Every structure is written in structure tokens, then in C-alpha cells.
Amino acid sequence: MGKVKQMMMDQEVEFWDKALSTMFESETRSEFVTKMMPHFNLVRPMSDQDIMGELNDAWYEHQSNHAEENKNGDDY
């Protein structure tokens, strides 16, 4: 694999690691996306709109999983 491709893949992993930790620190989707904006450079050449779309999807998936875990915890 080329060095540039590997570097881009490493930066994408770094971005999503940061996104996951930021998600747990954020109370709203808006707060989450705002906190992630300074890290958009890690997933270039994606457009801001595409990055925000992926972050929104990740937020809603996280919220859905969290709600499901809470629901399952109530069954005991």
C-alpha cells in the first residue's frame, strides 16, 4: 500500500476514534458536530457536507443503540 493511502487511512481512524470519544462527551447532536469541526481536516478530501452527514448518521446510530441498551436493561 502506498504511503499516502496509508496516511489517509490512519487519519480516518484517528477521526473516528475522536468522534466516538466526543460523542460520549456531547449532550446533543449539534454539540457533537461542532466539537468535531476542527478535526474535519483528517478526512479530506471529503466535503464538509459529506462529513457532517456521516457524523449525523453516527450520532443517530449511537443514540439508537443507547436507547436499545436501556430498553433491554429494563427487561430484567
Protein backbone atom coordinates (compact mmCIF):
# COMPACT_ATOMS: atom_id res chain seq x y z
CA MET A 1 0.00 0.00 0.00
CA GLY A 2 1.25 3.47 -0.78
CA LYS A 3 2.41 5.74 1.99
CA VAL A 4 -0.13 8.44 1.14
CA LYS A 5 -3.02 5.98 1.17
CA GLN A 6 -1.86 4.54 4.49
CA MET A 7 -1.56 8.03 5.96
CA MET A 8 -5.11 8.87 4.83
CA MET A 9 -6.44 5.64 6.33
CA ASP A 10 -4.63 6.35 9.61
CA GLN A 11 -6.12 9.85 9.72
CA GLU A 12 -9.60 8.46 9.11
CA VAL A 13 -9.17 6.04 12.02
CA GLU A 14 -7.96 8.93 14.18
CA PHE A 15 -11.01 10.98 13.17
CA TRP A 16 -13.48 8.23 14.08
CA ASP A 17 -11.70 7.47 17.35
CA LYS A 18 -12.04 11.15 18.22
CA ALA A 19 -15.67 11.13 17.08
CA LEU A 20 -16.51 8.22 19.35
CA SER A 21 -14.99 9.83 22.42
CA THR A 22 -16.58 13.18 21.55
CA MET A 23 -19.97 11.52 21.13
CA PHE A 24 -19.88 10.32 24.74
CA GLU A 25 -18.96 13.84 25.93
CA SER A 26 -21.75 15.55 23.99
CA GLU A 27 -25.34 16.03 25.06
CA THR A 28 -26.73 16.98 21.64
CA ARG A 29 -26.02 16.19 18.00
CA SER A 30 -25.27 19.85 17.37
CA GLU A 31 -22.71 19.95 20.18
CA PHE A 32 -21.10 16.77 18.84
CA VAL A 33 -20.80 18.05 15.27
CA THR A 34 -19.49 21.43 16.44
CA LYS A 35 -16.81 19.78 18.57
CA MET A 36 -15.76 17.65 15.59
CA MET A 37 -15.44 20.51 13.10
CA PRO A 38 -11.78 21.26 13.97
CA HIS A 39 -10.96 17.65 13.00
CA PHE A 40 -12.52 17.72 9.52
CA ASN A 41 -9.03 18.06 8.03
CA LEU A 42 -8.38 14.42 8.98
CA VAL A 43 -10.92 13.15 6.46
CA ARG A 44 -10.20 15.37 3.50
CA PRO A 45 -10.87 15.43 0.56
CA MET A 46 -14.46 14.77 1.76
CA SER A 47 -16.68 17.83 1.65
CA ASP A 48 -17.94 19.43 4.86
CA GLN A 49 -21.46 18.37 3.87
CA ASP A 50 -20.42 14.71 3.48
CA ILE A 51 -18.52 14.73 6.77
CA MET A 52 -21.47 16.29 8.59
CA GLY A 53 -23.78 13.70 7.05
CA GLU A 54 -21.59 10.87 8.31
CA LEU A 55 -21.35 12.44 11.77
CA ASN A 56 -25.13 12.85 11.88
CA ASP A 57 -25.58 9.19 10.91
CA ALA A 58 -23.09 8.13 13.59
CA TRP A 59 -24.88 10.26 16.22
CA TYR A 60 -28.31 8.79 15.42
CA GLU A 61 -26.92 5.25 15.33
CA HIS A 62 -25.25 5.84 18.70
CA GLN A 63 -28.49 7.22 20.16
CA SER A 64 -30.47 4.29 18.76
CA ASN A 65 -28.01 1.78 20.24
CA HIS A 66 -28.06 3.60 23.58
CA ALA A 67 -31.88 3.56 23.66
CA GLU A 68 -31.91 -0.15 22.76
CA GLU A 69 -29.41 -0.96 25.54
CA ASN A 70 -31.53 0.93 28.06
CA LYS A 71 -34.67 -0.85 26.87
CA ASN A 72 -33.02 -4.27 27.17
CA GLY A 73 -31.72 -3.39 30.63
CA ASP A 74 -35.30 -2.78 31.78
CA ASP A 75 -36.31 -6.35 30.89
CA TYR A 76 -34.54 -7.87 33.89
